[in-house]
PDB file of N, CA and C in Angstrom:
ATOM      1  N   MET A   1     -10.742 -16.694   8.515  1.00  0.00           N
ATOM      2  CA  MET A   1     -10.904 -16.356   7.173  1.00  0.00           C
ATOM      3  C   MET A   1      -9.879 -15.036   6.835  1.00  0.00           C
ATOM      4  N   LYS A   2      -9.138 -15.203   5.765  1.00  0.00           N
ATOM      5  CA  LYS A   2      -8.369 -13.990   5.399  1.00  0.00           C
ATOM      6  C   LYS A   2      -9.051 -13.359   4.184  1.00  0.00           C
ATOM      7  N   PHE A   3      -8.861 -11.990   4.351  1.00  0.00           N
ATOM      8  CA  PHE A   3      -9.395 -11.227   3.292  1.00  0.00           C
ATOM      9  C   PHE A   3      -8.091 -10.639   2.609  1.00  0.00           C
ATOM     10  N   LYS A   4      -8.063 -10.451   1.177  1.00  0.00           N
ATOM     11  CA  LYS A   4      -6.973  -9.876   0.487  1.00  0.00           C
ATOM     12  C   LYS A   4      -7.263  -8.954  -0.516  1.00  0.00           C
ATOM     13  N   ALA A   5      -6.436  -7.962  -0.671  1.00  0.00           N
ATOM     14  CA  ALA A   5      -6.684  -6.873  -1.713  1.00  0.00           C
ATOM     15  C   ALA A   5      -5.211  -6.636  -2.286  1.00  0.00           C
ATOM     16  N   VAL A   6      -5.224  -6.175  -3.535  1.00  0.00           N
ATOM     17  CA  VAL A   6      -4.012  -5.754  -4.115  1.00  0.00           C
ATOM     18  C   VAL A   6      -4.324  -4.435  -4.843  1.00  0.00           C
ATOM     19  N   LEU A   7      -3.616  -3.494  -4.626  1.00  0.00           N
ATOM     20  CA  LEU A   7      -3.715  -2.191  -5.200  1.00  0.00           C
ATOM     21  C   LEU A   7      -2.724  -1.938  -6.068  1.00  0.00           C
ATOM     22  N   LYS A   8      -2.836  -1.579  -7.343  1.00  0.00           N
ATOM     23  CA  LYS A   8      -1.851  -1.524  -8.365  1.00  0.00           C
ATOM     24  C   LYS A   8      -2.080  -0.107  -9.081  1.00  0.00           C
ATOM     25  N   THR A   9      -1.062   0.783  -8.906  1.00  0.00           N
ATOM     26  CA  THR A   9      -1.292   2.142  -9.474  1.00  0.00           C
ATOM     27  C   THR A   9       0.106   2.436 -10.322  1.00  0.00           C
ATOM     28  N   GLU A  10      -0.146   3.404 -11.251  1.00  0.00           N
ATOM     29  CA  GLU A  10       0.895   3.954 -11.945  1.00  0.00           C
ATOM     30  C   GLU A  10       1.591   5.031 -11.269  1.00  0.00           C
ATOM     31  N   SER A  11       2.881   5.433 -11.375  1.00  0.00           N
ATOM     32  CA  SER A  11       3.496   6.615 -10.918  1.00  0.00           C
ATOM     33  C   SER A  11       4.586   7.069 -11.723  1.00  0.00           C
ATOM     34  N   LYS A  12       4.872   8.288 -11.807  1.00  0.00           N
ATOM     35  CA  LYS A  12       6.072   8.888 -12.355  1.00  0.00           C
ATOM     36  C   LYS A  12       7.363   8.533 -11.792  1.00  0.00           C
ATOM     37  N   ASP A  13       7.289   8.416 -10.468  1.00  0.00           N
ATOM     38  CA  ASP A  13       8.314   7.974  -9.737  1.00  0.00           C
ATOM     39  C   ASP A  13       8.023   6.833  -8.811  1.00  0.00           C
ATOM     40  N   ALA A  14       7.634   5.757  -9.145  1.00  0.00           N
ATOM     41  CA  ALA A  14       7.192   4.534  -8.393  1.00  0.00           C
ATOM     42  C   ALA A  14       8.025   4.148  -7.252  1.00  0.00           C
ATOM     43  N   LYS A  15       9.504   4.082  -7.610  1.00  0.00           N
ATOM     44  CA  LYS A  15      10.481   3.661  -6.552  1.00  0.00           C
ATOM     45  C   LYS A  15      10.413   4.629  -5.311  1.00  0.00           C
ATOM     46  N   SER A  16      10.407   5.994  -5.622  1.00  0.00           N
ATOM     47  CA  SER A  16      10.413   6.915  -4.489  1.00  0.00           C
ATOM     48  C   SER A  16       9.056   6.897  -3.641  1.00  0.00           C
ATOM     49  N   VAL A  17       7.847   6.768  -4.349  1.00  0.00           N
ATOM     50  CA  VAL A  17       6.695   6.717  -3.690  1.00  0.00           C
ATOM     51  C   VAL A  17       6.551   5.341  -2.853  1.00  0.00           C
ATOM     52  N   ALA A  18       6.891   4.337  -3.435  1.00  0.00           N
ATOM     53  CA  ALA A  18       6.873   3.118  -2.650  1.00  0.00           C
ATOM     54  C   ALA A  18       7.780   3.066  -1.339  1.00  0.00           C
ATOM     55  N   SER A  19       8.957   3.694  -1.648  1.00  0.00           N
ATOM     56  CA  SER A  19       9.957   3.895  -0.501  1.00  0.00           C
ATOM     57  C   SER A  19       9.219   4.775   0.659  1.00  0.00           C
ATOM     58  N   ALA A  20       8.631   5.756   0.083  1.00  0.00           N
ATOM     59  CA  ALA A  20       7.884   6.691   1.221  1.00  0.00           C
ATOM     60  C   ALA A  20       6.801   5.758   1.956  1.00  0.00           C
ATOM     61  N   LEU A  21       6.356   4.858   1.319  1.00  0.00           N
ATOM     62  CA  LEU A  21       5.103   4.179   1.934  1.00  0.00           C
ATOM     63  C   LEU A  21       5.882   2.779   2.552  1.00  0.00           C
ATOM     64  N   ASP A  22       7.105   2.662   2.609  1.00  0.00           N
ATOM     65  CA  ASP A  22       7.693   1.448   3.245  1.00  0.00           C
ATOM     66  C   ASP A  22       7.293   1.388   4.744  1.00  0.00           C
ATOM     67  N   ILE A  23       7.252   2.545   5.367  1.00  0.00           N
ATOM     68  CA  ILE A  23       7.002   2.502   6.820  1.00  0.00           C
ATOM     69  C   ILE A  23       5.684   1.905   7.192  1.00  0.00           C
ATOM     70  N   ASP A  24       4.692   2.004   6.230  1.00  0.00           N
ATOM     71  CA  ASP A  24       3.465   1.241   6.358  1.00  0.00           C
ATOM     72  C   ASP A  24       3.386  -0.376   6.210  1.00  0.00           C
ATOM     73  N   ASN A  25       4.624  -0.963   5.826  1.00  0.00           N
ATOM     74  CA  ASN A  25       4.783  -2.274   5.597  1.00  0.00           C
ATOM     75  C   ASN A  25       4.725  -2.932   6.947  1.00  0.00           C
ATOM     76  N   VAL A  26       3.849  -3.932   7.204  1.00  0.00           N
ATOM     77  CA  VAL A  26       3.773  -4.698   8.538  1.00  0.00           C
ATOM     78  C   VAL A  26       3.591  -6.089   8.234  1.00  0.00           C
ATOM     79  N   LYS A  27       4.082  -6.860   9.197  1.00  0.00           N
ATOM     80  CA  LYS A  27       3.698  -8.226   9.031  1.00  0.00           C
ATOM     81  C   LYS A  27       3.437  -8.754  10.600  1.00  0.00           C
ATOM     82  N   LEU A  28       1.982  -8.745  10.701  1.00  0.00           N
ATOM     83  CA  LEU A  28       1.609  -9.060  11.912  1.00  0.00           C
ATOM     84  C   LEU A  28       0.625 -10.160  11.820  1.00  0.00           C
ATOM     85  N   GLU A  29       0.320 -10.765  13.009  1.00  0.00           N
ATOM     86  CA  GLU A  29      -0.467 -12.022  12.889  1.00  0.00           C
ATOM     87  C   GLU A  29      -1.868 -11.797  12.209  1.00  0.00           C
ATOM     88  N   LYS A  30      -2.583 -10.650  12.341  1.00  0.00           N
ATOM     89  CA  LYS A  30      -3.758 -10.378  11.893  1.00  0.00           C
ATOM     90  C   LYS A  30      -3.881  -9.522  10.547  1.00  0.00           C
ATOM     91  N   LEU A  31      -2.705  -8.836  10.282  1.00  0.00           N
ATOM     92  CA  LEU A  31      -2.623  -7.754   9.242  1.00  0.00           C
ATOM     93  C   LEU A  31      -1.133  -7.828   8.527  1.00  0.00           C
ATOM     94  N   ARG A  32      -1.105  -7.890   7.335  1.00  0.00           N
ATOM     95  CA  ARG A  32       0.147  -7.893   6.583  1.00  0.00           C
ATOM     96  C   ARG A  32      -0.070  -6.891   5.424  1.00  0.00           C
ATOM     97  N   VAL A  33       0.857  -6.029   5.297  1.00  0.00           N
ATOM     98  CA  VAL A  33       0.898  -4.922   4.289  1.00  0.00           C
ATOM     99  C   VAL A  33       2.304  -4.924   3.737  1.00  0.00           C
ATOM    100  N   GLU A  34       2.351  -4.963   2.251  1.00  0.00           N
ATOM    101  CA  GLU A  34       3.583  -4.935   1.626  1.00  0.00           C
ATOM    102  C   GLU A  34       3.435  -3.967   0.340  1.00  0.00           C
ATOM    103  N   THR A  35       4.215  -2.884   0.227  1.00  0.00           N
ATOM    104  CA  THR A  35       4.261  -2.171  -0.833  1.00  0.00           C
ATOM    105  C   THR A  35       5.586  -2.151  -1.487  1.00  0.00           C
ATOM    106  N   LYS A  36       5.626  -2.160  -2.826  1.00  0.00           N
ATOM    107  CA  LYS A  36       6.798  -2.331  -3.551  1.00  0.00           C
ATOM    108  C   LYS A  36       6.691  -1.602  -4.914  1.00  0.00           C
ATOM    109  N   SER A  37       7.668  -1.376  -5.636  1.00  0.00           N
ATOM    110  CA  SER A  37       7.622  -0.780  -6.899  1.00  0.00           C
ATOM    111  C   SER A  37       7.945  -1.870  -7.942  1.00  0.00           C
ATOM    112  N   GLU A  38       7.212  -1.668  -9.063  1.00  0.00           N
ATOM    113  CA  GLU A  38       7.730  -2.596 -10.285  1.00  0.00           C
ATOM    114  C   GLU A  38       7.697  -1.748 -11.544  1.00  0.00           C
ATOM    115  N   ARG A  39       8.879  -1.336 -11.855  1.00  0.00           N
ATOM    116  CA  ARG A  39       8.858  -0.189 -13.183  1.00  0.00           C
ATOM    117  C   ARG A  39       8.202   0.987 -12.830  1.00  0.00           C
ATOM    118  N   ASP A  40       7.131   1.318 -13.558  1.00  0.00           N
ATOM    119  CA  ASP A  40       6.307   2.631 -13.221  1.00  0.00           C
ATOM    120  C   ASP A  40       5.117   2.109 -12.482  1.00  0.00           C
ATOM    121  N   LYS A  41       5.072   1.230 -11.766  1.00  0.00           N
ATOM    122  CA  LYS A  41       3.912   0.834 -10.941  1.00  0.00           C
ATOM    123  C   LYS A  41       4.246   0.681  -9.492  1.00  0.00           C
ATOM    124  N   ILE A  42       3.239   0.889  -8.716  1.00  0.00           N
ATOM    125  CA  ILE A  42       3.365   0.772  -7.175  1.00  0.00           C
ATOM    126  C   ILE A  42       2.325  -0.423  -6.895  1.00  0.00           C
ATOM    127  N   LEU A  43       2.812  -1.509  -6.219  1.00  0.00           N
ATOM    128  CA  LEU A  43       2.007  -2.592  -5.951  1.00  0.00           C
ATOM    129  C   LEU A  43       1.959  -2.775  -4.477  1.00  0.00           C
ATOM    130  N   THR A  44       0.736  -2.687  -3.857  1.00  0.00           N
ATOM    131  CA  THR A  44       0.458  -2.909  -2.508  1.00  0.00           C
ATOM    132  C   THR A  44      -0.369  -4.075  -2.225  1.00  0.00           C
ATOM    133  N   ARG A  45       0.045  -5.013  -1.458  1.00  0.00           N
ATOM    134  CA  ARG A  45      -0.810  -6.242  -1.060  1.00  0.00           C
ATOM    135  C   ARG A  45      -1.018  -6.175   0.449  1.00  0.00           C
ATOM    136  N   ILE A  46      -2.459  -6.403   0.637  1.00  0.00           N
ATOM    137  CA  ILE A  46      -2.900  -6.368   2.081  1.00  0.00           C
ATOM    138  C   ILE A  46      -3.637  -7.576   2.305  1.00  0.00           C
ATOM    139  N   GLU A  47      -3.466  -8.278   3.457  1.00  0.00           N
ATOM    140  CA  GLU A  47      -4.068  -9.323   3.925  1.00  0.00           C
ATOM    141  C   GLU A  47      -4.511  -9.117   5.407  1.00  0.00           C
ATOM    142  N   ALA A  48      -5.818  -9.294   5.626  1.00  0.00           N
ATOM    143  CA  ALA A  48      -6.298  -8.929   7.108  1.00  0.00           C
ATOM    144  C   ALA A  48      -7.237 -10.067   7.461  1.00  0.00           C
ATOM    145  N   GLU A  49      -7.515 -10.357   8.581  1.00  0.00           N
ATOM    146  CA  GLU A  49      -8.368 -11.367   8.944  1.00  0.00           C
ATOM    147  C   GLU A  49      -9.766 -10.700   9.359  1.00  0.00           C
ATOM    148  N   ASN A  50     -10.066  -9.369   9.138  1.00  0.00           N
ATOM    149  CA  ASN A  50     -11.317  -8.653   9.144  1.00  0.00           C
ATOM    150  C   ASN A  50     -11.443  -7.836   8.037  1.00  0.00           C
ATOM    151  N   ILE A  51     -12.625  -7.839   7.362  1.00  0.00           N
ATOM    152  CA  ILE A  51     -12.901  -7.142   6.107  1.00  0.00           C
ATOM    153  C   ILE A  51     -12.969  -5.567   6.538  1.00  0.00           C
ATOM    154  N   ASN A  52     -13.332  -5.229   7.671  1.00  0.00           N
ATOM    155  CA  ASN A  52     -13.133  -3.817   8.062  1.00  0.00           C
ATOM    156  C   ASN A  52     -11.823  -3.301   8.232  1.00  0.00           C
ATOM    157  N   THR A  53     -10.827  -4.092   8.743  1.00  0.00           N
ATOM    158  CA  THR A  53      -9.459  -3.820   8.854  1.00  0.00           C
ATOM    159  C   THR A  53      -8.868  -3.619   7.451  1.00  0.00           C
ATOM    160  N   LEU A  54      -9.207  -4.568   6.459  1.00  0.00           N
ATOM    161  CA  LEU A  54      -8.908  -4.548   5.134  1.00  0.00           C
ATOM    162  C   LEU A  54      -9.123  -3.152   4.484  1.00  0.00           C
ATOM    163  N   ILE A  55     -10.504  -2.866   4.616  1.00  0.00           N
ATOM    164  CA  ILE A  55     -10.912  -1.654   3.948  1.00  0.00           C
ATOM    165  C   ILE A  55     -10.274  -0.376   4.583  1.00  0.00           C
ATOM    166  N   ASN A  56     -10.118  -0.261   5.804  1.00  0.00           N
ATOM    167  CA  ASN A  56      -9.473   0.893   6.531  1.00  0.00           C
ATOM    168  C   ASN A  56      -8.134   0.960   6.123  1.00  0.00           C
ATOM    169  N   THR A  57      -7.307  -0.194   6.137  1.00  0.00           N
ATOM    170  CA  THR A  57      -6.064  -0.198   5.836  1.00  0.00           C
ATOM    171  C   THR A  57      -5.858   0.226   4.255  1.00  0.00           C
ATOM    172  N   LEU A  58      -6.570  -0.285   3.462  1.00  0.00           N
ATOM    173  CA  LEU A  58      -6.599   0.204   1.963  1.00  0.00           C
ATOM    174  C   LEU A  58      -6.883   1.573   1.913  1.00  0.00           C
ATOM    175  N   ASP A  59      -7.837   2.234   2.544  1.00  0.00           N
ATOM    176  CA  ASP A  59      -8.098   3.602   2.532  1.00  0.00           C
ATOM    177  C   ASP A  59      -6.814   4.398   3.014  1.00  0.00           C
ATOM    178  N   ASP A  60      -6.202   4.041   4.043  1.00  0.00           N
ATOM    179  CA  ASP A  60      -5.072   4.677   4.699  1.00  0.00           C
ATOM    180  C   ASP A  60      -3.979   4.604   3.693  1.00  0.00           C
ATOM    181  N   ILE A  61      -3.634   3.427   2.947  1.00  0.00           N
ATOM    182  CA  ILE A  61      -2.577   3.447   2.031  1.00  0.00           C
ATOM    183  C   ILE A  61      -2.989   4.488   0.842  1.00  0.00           C
ATOM    184  N   ILE A  62      -4.053   4.326   0.445  1.00  0.00           N
ATOM    185  CA  ILE A  62      -4.500   5.153  -0.846  1.00  0.00           C
ATOM    186  C   ILE A  62      -4.133   6.694  -0.420  1.00  0.00           C
ATOM    187  N   ARG A  63      -4.694   7.261   0.769  1.00  0.00           N
ATOM    188  CA  ARG A  63      -4.447   8.534   1.245  1.00  0.00           C
ATOM    189  C   ARG A  63      -2.970   8.841   1.380  1.00  0.00           C
ATOM    190  N   CYS A  64      -2.254   7.974   1.978  1.00  0.00           N
ATOM    191  CA  CYS A  64      -0.756   8.159   2.066  1.00  0.00           C
ATOM    192  C   CYS A  64      -0.073   8.311   0.752  1.00  0.00           C
ATOM    193  N   GLN A  65      -0.522   7.410  -0.217  1.00  0.00           N
ATOM    194  CA  GLN A  65       0.028   7.514  -1.589  1.00  0.00           C
ATOM    195  C   GLN A  65      -0.180   8.741  -2.224  1.00  0.00           C
ATOM    196  N   ILE A  66      -1.497   9.212  -2.078  1.00  0.00           N
ATOM    197  CA  ILE A  66      -1.924  10.632  -2.773  1.00  0.00           C
ATOM    198  C   ILE A  66      -0.876  11.633  -2.222  1.00  0.00           C
ATOM    199  N   VAL A  67      -0.713  11.612  -0.841  1.00  0.00           N
ATOM    200  CA  VAL A  67       0.150  12.626  -0.362  1.00  0.00           C
ATOM    201  C   VAL A  67       1.676  12.612  -0.846  1.00  0.00           C
ATOM    202  N   ALA A  68       2.101  11.328  -0.845  1.00  0.00           N
ATOM    203  CA  ALA A  68       3.408  10.990  -1.266  1.00  0.00           C
ATOM    204  C   ALA A  68       3.562  11.423  -2.722  1.00  0.00           C
ATOM    205  N   GLU A  69       2.744  11.171  -3.657  1.00  0.00           N
ATOM    206  CA  GLU A  69       2.670  11.551  -5.058  1.00  0.00           C
ATOM    207  C   GLU A  69       2.777  12.832  -5.200  1.00  0.00           C
ATOM    208  N   LYS A  70       2.010  13.775  -4.367  1.00  0.00           N
ATOM    209  CA  LYS A  70       1.911  15.230  -4.545  1.00  0.00           C
ATOM    210  C   LYS A  70       3.227  15.689  -4.182  1.00  0.00           C
ATOM    211  N   ILE A  71       3.941  15.255  -3.068  1.00  0.00           N
ATOM    212  CA  ILE A  71       5.179  15.792  -2.659  1.00  0.00           C
ATOM    213  C   ILE A  71       6.361  15.321  -3.507  1.00  0.00           C
ATOM    214  N   ILE A  72       6.412  14.043  -3.981  1.00  0.00           N
ATOM    215  CA  ILE A  72       7.607  13.628  -4.661  1.00  0.00           C
ATOM    216  C   ILE A  72       7.576  13.893  -6.094  1.00  0.00           C
ATOM    217  N   THR A  73       6.303  13.880  -6.752  1.00  0.00           N
ATOM    218  CA  THR A  73       6.329  14.238  -8.277  1.00  0.00           C
ATOM    219  C   THR A  73       5.915  15.603  -8.596  1.00  0.00           C
TER     220      THR A  73
END
């Protein structure tokens, strides 16, 4: 069973923040993470085969995004 989450946030510089998070984009057998910008929004999609992995990955992305927002904007 796959678990999915979508994180959609606004940013003053969505393109730069999404670019900073690009290193976290992965396409593995049991985990997929994709972050991109759409106008003033940052959109992150996460798919995982384990709910704990999904939650931990989502937590990591949020923390990284907070840091990127503080540094970039």
